[in-house]
């Protein structure tokens, strides 16, 4: 509400300026800050913006292995369980992990796309034309519920205290009206706070921007100016007015609240949680056609989004395994080979050191 019409900071100021965040604040307390997203790393330019929000590591779809997809080509959320657990096991510090899921996204199909739906539905007569969109959505929710069950089982057995916060940031695009909804609002979604240790249950309505400070307060954490502000001032009459002044000063003003100097530096954002390493590259005759040659690239951690580049130019790549890639585009003479992790939009997210092939 505080920004211009249609403006959101991801696409504007946060591409060029850092901002106080949970990441920066928790890192002061010894936490490692990671983001996980089973979608393109460049979506909303997160590969750039996350650096200005204090994330140290970003594990996007291009770095994940054995991903399953919905009939609409959204990655299924079950992949996130292993990614989250691997991050927690890989870091010696405490962890703050921001995981963004996508399985339930639309647009939803108007024809049958599920071969054997796990759940069937019945709709009132006035919604009968929406049978297939609702059928698809409900069955994705069914699998997402299973994902949450498996995630909480894994976290319950984890040997450290864990708090899991889950929320939806919008309702599905199913043409819903307020009259269809029990709470009568198109702008409210549920949130859940779960822990693997005893934490008193409290039911409370709040704004999305208040949720982080509330959760941290339940854990005795008050690090950060905005965290303290939400925790102490939300009942005050001028709460929103003063919050707007603070946000403007932090993002567009002279940072008077920090003494006129930005205390937050962009991070060197590391992509992925497992190293992608290029070990060797060599040319061999093709098995299919002896007159043709193939460049084989050996390494570790390759995914289906790994692309071979020869002398800086990407070539058509065949994914053979996590340790082997190939291409039939073989140049004459010696050349350099690298491997890039590249999204569907063609942007390179990371690239290995080169290997020279004679």
Protein backbone atom coordinates (compact mmCIF):
# COMPACT_ATOMS: atom_id res chain seq x y z
CA UNK A 1 0.00 0.00 0.00
CA UNK A 2 2.93 2.34 0.60
CA UNK A 3 4.32 2.06 -2.94
CA UNK A 4 3.13 3.50 -6.23
CA UNK A 5 0.34 1.83 -8.23
CA UNK A 6 1.53 -1.55 -9.50
CA UNK A 7 4.97 -1.19 -7.90
CA UNK A 8 6.58 -3.92 -5.86
CA UNK A 9 10.15 -3.65 -4.58
CA UNK A 10 11.33 -6.93 -6.18
CA UNK A 11 11.10 -5.29 -9.59
CA UNK A 12 12.31 -1.83 -8.62
CA UNK A 13 14.44 -0.59 -5.74
CA UNK A 14 15.64 -3.96 -4.43
CA UNK A 15 17.47 -4.67 -7.67
CA UNK A 16 19.91 -1.89 -6.82
CA UNK A 17 19.72 -1.37 -3.04
CA UNK A 18 19.92 -3.55 0.04
CA UNK A 19 17.29 -3.53 2.74
CA UNK A 20 16.99 -4.69 6.33
CA UNK A 21 15.59 -8.23 6.32
CA UNK A 22 15.20 -11.33 8.44
CA UNK A 23 18.33 -12.66 6.72
CA UNK A 24 20.61 -9.81 7.75
CA UNK A 25 19.17 -9.73 11.26
CA UNK A 26 19.40 -13.47 11.94
CA UNK A 27 22.90 -13.69 10.46
CA UNK A 28 24.00 -11.36 13.28
CA UNK A 29 22.82 -14.09 15.66
CA UNK A 30 24.80 -16.85 13.95
CA UNK A 31 22.24 -18.10 11.43
CA UNK A 32 22.97 -19.11 7.84
CA UNK A 33 20.41 -17.64 5.40
CA UNK A 34 19.26 -19.76 2.46
CA UNK A 35 16.43 -19.65 -0.07
CA UNK A 36 14.88 -22.66 -1.85
CA UNK A 37 12.54 -22.37 -4.84
CA UNK A 38 11.42 -25.18 -7.17
CA UNK A 39 11.06 -22.76 -10.06
CA UNK A 40 13.35 -20.76 -12.34
CA UNK A 41 16.09 -18.95 -10.47
CA UNK A 42 15.53 -15.79 -12.53
CA UNK A 43 11.78 -15.62 -11.78
CA UNK A 44 11.13 -12.17 -10.24
CA UNK A 45 14.92 -11.77 -10.68
CA UNK A 46 15.45 -13.56 -7.41
CA UNK A 47 19.01 -14.45 -8.46
CA UNK A 48 19.74 -10.70 -8.15
CA UNK A 49 17.32 -9.51 -5.50
CA UNK A 50 18.16 -12.21 -2.95
CA UNK A 51 21.70 -10.83 -2.74
CA UNK A 52 20.28 -7.46 -1.64
CA UNK A 53 18.09 -9.17 0.97
CA UNK A 54 21.02 -10.88 2.66
CA UNK A 55 20.62 -14.46 1.45
CA UNK A 56 23.90 -16.34 1.23
CA UNK A 57 22.66 -19.30 -0.84
CA UNK A 58 19.86 -19.76 -3.38
CA UNK A 59 18.83 -23.27 -4.40
CA UNK A 60 16.63 -22.90 -7.47
CA UNK A 61 15.10 -25.50 -9.81
CA UNK A 62 18.17 -25.56 -12.06
CA UNK A 63 20.21 -27.14 -9.25
CA UNK A 64 17.73 -29.85 -8.26
CA UNK A 65 17.80 -33.49 -9.32
CA UNK A 66 15.07 -35.96 -10.23
CA UNK A 67 12.32 -33.34 -10.22
CA UNK A 68 8.74 -34.48 -10.91
CA UNK A 69 6.33 -32.14 -12.70
CA UNK A 70 2.57 -31.64 -12.74
CA UNK A 71 0.62 -31.93 -16.01
CA UNK A 72 0.92 -28.13 -16.20
CA UNK A 73 4.73 -28.34 -15.91
CA UNK A 74 5.04 -26.92 -12.39
CA UNK A 75 7.61 -28.72 -10.26
CA UNK A 76 6.04 -30.86 -7.54
CA UNK A 77 6.72 -29.69 -4.00
CA UNK A 78 7.99 -33.05 -2.73
CA UNK A 79 11.42 -32.13 -4.14
CA UNK A 80 11.70 -29.44 -1.47
CA UNK A 81 11.93 -31.92 1.41
CA UNK A 82 15.35 -33.25 0.47
CA UNK A 83 16.60 -29.77 -0.48
CA UNK A 84 15.59 -28.30 2.89
CA UNK A 85 17.05 -31.19 4.87
CA UNK A 86 20.29 -31.10 2.86
CA UNK A 87 20.74 -27.40 3.63
CA UNK A 88 20.23 -27.98 7.34
CA UNK A 89 22.67 -30.87 7.39
CA UNK A 90 25.29 -29.01 5.33
CA UNK A 91 25.59 -25.97 7.60
CA UNK A 92 27.20 -25.91 11.01
CA UNK A 93 25.29 -22.75 11.92
CA UNK A 94 21.65 -22.43 12.81
CA UNK A 95 19.54 -22.00 9.67
CA UNK A 96 17.00 -19.55 8.36
CA UNK A 97 15.47 -21.10 5.24
CA UNK A 98 12.91 -19.40 3.00
CA UNK A 99 11.23 -22.01 0.80
CA UNK A 100 8.85 -21.03 -2.01
CA UNK A 101 6.66 -23.79 -3.45
CA UNK A 102 4.80 -23.80 -6.76
CA UNK A 103 2.88 -27.06 -7.24
CA UNK A 104 -0.60 -25.63 -6.72
CA UNK A 105 -0.20 -22.83 -9.25
CA UNK A 106 -2.46 -22.43 -12.30
CA UNK A 107 -3.82 -21.49 -14.72
CA UNK A 108 -6.10 -24.47 -14.17
CA UNK A 109 -7.19 -26.73 -17.06
CA UNK A 110 -10.70 -26.80 -18.49
CA UNK A 111 -10.28 -30.38 -19.70
CA UNK A 112 -9.16 -33.64 -18.07
CA UNK A 113 -5.37 -33.82 -17.60
CA UNK A 114 -5.17 -36.26 -14.67
CA UNK A 115 -5.20 -39.88 -15.77
CA UNK A 116 -6.32 -41.30 -12.41
CA UNK A 117 -7.29 -38.54 -9.93
CA UNK A 118 -6.74 -39.54 -6.30
CA UNK A 119 -9.76 -37.46 -5.27
CA UNK A 120 -13.03 -36.77 -7.09
CA UNK A 121 -15.22 -33.78 -6.33
CA UNK A 122 -18.84 -32.67 -6.57
CA UNK A 123 -19.65 -29.02 -7.13
CA UNK A 124 -22.93 -27.09 -6.81
CA UNK A 125 -24.84 -26.65 -10.05
CA UNK A 126 -23.77 -23.02 -10.49
CA UNK A 127 -20.10 -24.12 -10.51
CA UNK A 128 -20.48 -27.23 -12.66
CA UNK A 129 -18.53 -25.70 -15.57
CA UNK A 130 -15.51 -25.39 -13.24
CA UNK A 131 -15.33 -29.13 -12.54
CA UNK A 132 -11.97 -29.76 -14.23
CA UNK A 133 -10.19 -26.67 -12.81
CA UNK A 134 -11.34 -27.56 -9.28
CA UNK A 135 -10.56 -31.25 -9.78
CA UNK A 136 -6.99 -30.44 -10.81
CA UNK A 137 -6.50 -27.95 -7.95
CA UNK A 138 -7.87 -30.28 -5.26
CA UNK A 139 -5.64 -33.11 -6.42
CA UNK A 140 -2.59 -30.85 -6.31
CA UNK A 141 -3.58 -29.86 -2.77
CA UNK A 142 -3.80 -33.55 -1.89
CA UNK A 143 -0.19 -34.06 -2.98
CA UNK A 144 0.91 -30.86 -1.26
CA UNK A 145 -0.69 -32.10 1.98
CA UNK A 146 1.39 -35.26 1.62
CA UNK A 147 4.48 -33.09 1.06
CA UNK A 148 3.77 -31.22 4.30
CA UNK A 149 3.23 -34.50 6.16
CA UNK A 150 6.57 -35.87 4.95
CA UNK A 151 8.34 -32.59 5.69
CA UNK A 152 7.06 -32.39 9.26
CA UNK A 153 7.97 -36.05 9.84
CA UNK A 154 11.52 -35.29 8.71
CA UNK A 155 11.71 -32.15 10.84
CA UNK A 156 10.22 -33.90 13.86
CA UNK A 157 13.15 -36.32 13.84
CA UNK A 158 15.78 -33.60 13.31
CA UNK A 159 18.19 -33.31 16.27
CA UNK A 160 17.84 -29.51 16.57
CA UNK A 161 14.89 -27.30 17.51
CA UNK A 162 12.93 -26.38 14.39
CA UNK A 163 10.08 -23.94 13.77
CA UNK A 164 8.20 -24.22 10.48
CA UNK A 165 5.99 -21.35 9.30
CA UNK A 166 3.66 -22.00 6.36
CA UNK A 167 1.34 -19.60 4.58
CA UNK A 168 -0.27 -19.01 1.22
CA UNK A 169 0.26 -15.63 -0.40
CA UNK A 170 -2.88 -15.69 -2.53
CA UNK A 171 -6.00 -17.68 -3.34
CA UNK A 172 -6.13 -19.82 -6.52
CA UNK A 173 -7.30 -18.24 -9.76
CA UNK A 174 -10.62 -20.08 -9.87
CA UNK A 175 -12.96 -17.12 -10.18
CA UNK A 176 -13.84 -17.21 -6.49
CA UNK A 177 -16.10 -14.56 -4.99
CA UNK A 178 -16.38 -13.47 -1.38
CA UNK A 179 -19.81 -15.13 -1.14
CA UNK A 180 -18.23 -18.55 -1.84
CA UNK A 181 -15.78 -18.28 1.05
CA UNK A 182 -16.46 -19.09 4.68
CA UNK A 183 -14.43 -16.09 5.90
CA UNK A 184 -16.02 -13.78 3.32
CA UNK A 185 -12.69 -12.34 2.16
CA UNK A 186 -10.61 -12.74 -0.99
CA UNK A 187 -7.57 -11.28 0.78
CA UNK A 188 -7.13 -13.61 3.73
CA UNK A 189 -5.21 -16.89 3.75
CA UNK A 190 -4.33 -19.29 6.53
CA UNK A 191 -0.95 -19.56 8.20
CA UNK A 192 0.41 -22.36 10.37
CA UNK A 193 3.24 -22.34 12.91
CA UNK A 194 4.60 -25.82 13.66
CA UNK A 195 7.54 -26.85 15.83
CA UNK A 196 9.30 -30.05 16.85
CA UNK A 197 9.30 -28.88 20.47
CA UNK A 198 6.57 -27.66 22.79
CA UNK A 199 5.29 -24.25 21.72
CA UNK A 200 1.97 -22.95 23.03
CA UNK A 201 -0.74 -22.76 20.40
CA UNK A 202 -2.17 -19.28 19.81
CA UNK A 203 -4.86 -18.38 17.27
CA UNK A 204 -4.44 -14.81 16.10
CA UNK A 205 -5.23 -12.79 12.97
CA UNK A 206 -2.44 -10.60 11.65
CA UNK A 207 -1.07 -8.99 8.53
CA UNK A 208 1.50 -10.91 6.47
CA UNK A 209 4.16 -8.28 7.23
CA UNK A 210 3.65 -8.84 10.97
CA UNK A 211 4.09 -12.61 10.87
CA UNK A 212 7.93 -12.78 10.90
CA UNK A 213 8.26 -10.42 13.87
CA UNK A 214 5.52 -12.32 15.69
CA UNK A 215 7.22 -15.70 15.19
CA UNK A 216 10.62 -14.33 16.19
CA UNK A 217 9.05 -12.77 19.28
CA UNK A 218 7.63 -16.15 20.30
CA UNK A 219 11.23 -17.41 20.21
CA UNK A 220 12.66 -14.52 22.20
CA UNK A 221 14.34 -12.89 19.18
CA UNK A 222 14.06 -9.13 18.66
CA UNK A 223 17.06 -8.41 16.43
CA UNK A 224 16.44 -5.71 13.81
CA UNK A 225 14.85 -2.30 13.83
CA UNK A 226 11.71 -3.32 11.95
CA UNK A 227 11.36 -6.49 14.03
CA UNK A 228 11.40 -4.42 17.23
CA UNK A 229 9.01 -1.92 15.69
CA UNK A 230 6.38 -4.54 14.83
CA UNK A 231 6.79 -6.25 18.19
CA UNK A 232 6.35 -3.07 20.26
CA UNK A 233 4.31 -0.57 18.25
CA UNK A 234 1.59 -2.49 16.42
CA UNK A 235 -1.11 -1.42 18.87
CA UNK A 236 -0.20 2.27 18.66
CA UNK A 237 -2.50 4.66 16.80
CA UNK A 238 0.26 5.94 14.48
CA UNK A 239 1.70 2.46 13.80
CA UNK A 240 1.12 2.44 10.02
CA UNK A 241 2.00 6.10 9.54
CA UNK A 242 5.33 5.71 11.30
CA UNK A 243 6.03 2.41 9.53
CA UNK A 244 5.66 4.17 6.18
CA UNK A 245 8.19 6.81 7.27
CA UNK A 246 10.65 4.11 8.34
CA UNK A 247 10.31 2.17 5.10
CA UNK A 248 10.69 5.28 2.95
CA UNK A 249 13.81 6.31 4.83
CA UNK A 250 15.32 2.81 4.46
CA UNK A 251 14.57 2.37 0.75
CA UNK A 252 14.39 5.84 -0.79
CA UNK A 253 15.54 8.32 1.83
CA UNK A 254 18.81 9.26 3.52
CA UNK A 255 18.82 6.28 5.92
CA UNK A 256 18.66 8.62 8.90
CA UNK A 257 17.43 5.70 10.99
CA UNK A 258 20.89 4.11 10.49
CA UNK A 259 22.82 7.33 11.04
CA UNK A 260 22.92 8.13 7.33
CA UNK A 261 24.89 5.04 6.28
CA UNK A 262 23.55 1.75 4.90
CA UNK A 263 24.74 -1.02 7.26
CA UNK A 264 23.84 -3.84 4.84
CA UNK A 265 26.14 -5.01 2.06
CA UNK A 266 25.04 -7.26 -0.84
CA UNK A 267 26.02 -10.88 -0.43
CA UNK A 268 28.04 -13.02 -2.80
CA UNK A 269 25.06 -15.23 -3.53
CA UNK A 270 25.99 -18.89 -4.01
CA UNK A 271 23.67 -20.77 -6.35
CA UNK A 272 22.71 -24.35 -5.45
CA UNK A 273 23.59 -26.39 -2.38
CA UNK A 274 25.74 -29.08 -4.03
CA UNK A 275 28.94 -28.24 -5.92
CA UNK A 276 28.78 -28.52 -9.71
CA UNK A 277 32.28 -29.40 -10.82
CA UNK A 278 33.83 -29.85 -14.26
CA UNK A 279 36.60 -32.45 -14.05
CA UNK A 280 37.46 -33.37 -17.64
CA UNK A 281 36.37 -33.09 -21.28
CA UNK A 282 37.44 -35.18 -24.28
CA UNK A 283 36.45 -36.02 -27.88
CA UNK A 284 35.47 -39.52 -29.01
CA UNK A 285 34.04 -41.04 -32.18
CA UNK A 286 30.27 -41.40 -32.18
CA UNK A 287 28.93 -44.90 -31.53
CA UNK A 288 26.00 -44.29 -33.87
CA UNK A 289 28.00 -42.76 -36.78
CA UNK A 290 31.74 -43.35 -36.88
CA UNK A 291 32.29 -40.32 -39.11
CA UNK A 292 30.88 -38.08 -36.35
CA UNK A 293 32.55 -37.02 -33.11
CA UNK A 294 31.16 -36.31 -29.64
CA UNK A 295 32.48 -34.11 -26.85
CA UNK A 296 32.02 -35.82 -23.49
CA UNK A 297 32.15 -33.72 -20.33
CA UNK A 298 32.81 -35.40 -16.98
CA UNK A 299 32.09 -33.85 -13.62
CA UNK A 300 29.96 -33.92 -10.52
CA UNK A 301 26.53 -32.58 -9.69
CA UNK A 302 25.17 -32.07 -13.23
CA UNK A 303 21.42 -31.64 -13.67
CA UNK A 304 19.10 -31.49 -16.66
CA UNK A 305 19.69 -27.73 -16.67
CA UNK A 306 23.46 -28.12 -17.16
CA UNK A 307 24.60 -26.68 -20.49
CA UNK A 308 27.98 -27.17 -22.17
CA UNK A 309 29.67 -24.01 -23.45
CA UNK A 310 32.58 -24.26 -25.93
CA UNK A 311 34.81 -21.20 -26.16
CA UNK A 312 32.09 -19.24 -24.39
CA UNK A 313 29.26 -20.29 -26.72
CA UNK A 314 26.58 -22.63 -25.45
CA UNK A 315 25.93 -25.76 -27.52
CA UNK A 316 23.14 -28.32 -27.66
CA UNK A 317 23.71 -30.55 -24.64
CA UNK A 318 22.74 -34.15 -23.94
CA UNK A 319 22.27 -34.93 -20.23
CA UNK A 320 23.50 -38.48 -19.62
CA UNK A 321 23.90 -38.52 -15.83
CA UNK A 322 24.91 -36.40 -12.85
CA UNK A 323 28.51 -37.10 -13.90
CA UNK A 324 28.36 -36.97 -17.71
CA UNK A 325 27.19 -34.57 -20.42
CA UNK A 326 27.72 -34.72 -24.17
CA UNK A 327 27.40 -32.66 -27.32
CA UNK A 328 27.80 -33.45 -31.02
CA UNK A 329 28.81 -29.86 -31.80
CA UNK A 330 32.56 -30.44 -32.01
CA UNK A 331 34.79 -27.56 -33.14
CA UNK A 332 37.97 -27.97 -35.12
CA UNK A 333 41.24 -27.61 -33.20
CA UNK A 334 41.67 -27.03 -29.48
CA UNK A 335 38.97 -25.39 -27.38
CA UNK A 336 37.84 -24.51 -23.84
CA UNK A 337 34.81 -26.13 -22.18
CA UNK A 338 32.70 -24.89 -19.29
CA UNK A 339 29.37 -26.03 -17.84
CA UNK A 340 26.63 -23.51 -17.08
CA UNK A 341 23.47 -23.85 -15.04
CA UNK A 342 20.91 -22.19 -17.22
CA UNK A 343 17.20 -21.56 -16.86
CA UNK A 344 14.50 -21.70 -19.49
CA UNK A 345 14.97 -17.99 -20.24
CA UNK A 346 18.57 -18.61 -21.30
CA UNK A 347 20.18 -16.70 -18.44
CA UNK A 348 23.27 -18.34 -16.94
CA UNK A 349 23.04 -18.63 -13.16
CA UNK A 350 26.54 -20.03 -12.59
CA UNK A 351 29.44 -21.44 -14.59
CA UNK A 352 32.31 -23.79 -13.81
CA UNK A 353 36.00 -23.13 -14.29
CA UNK A 354 37.11 -24.01 -17.85
CA UNK A 355 38.84 -27.18 -19.04
CA UNK A 356 41.16 -27.05 -22.07
CA UNK A 357 40.71 -29.74 -24.75
CA UNK A 358 43.44 -30.30 -27.37
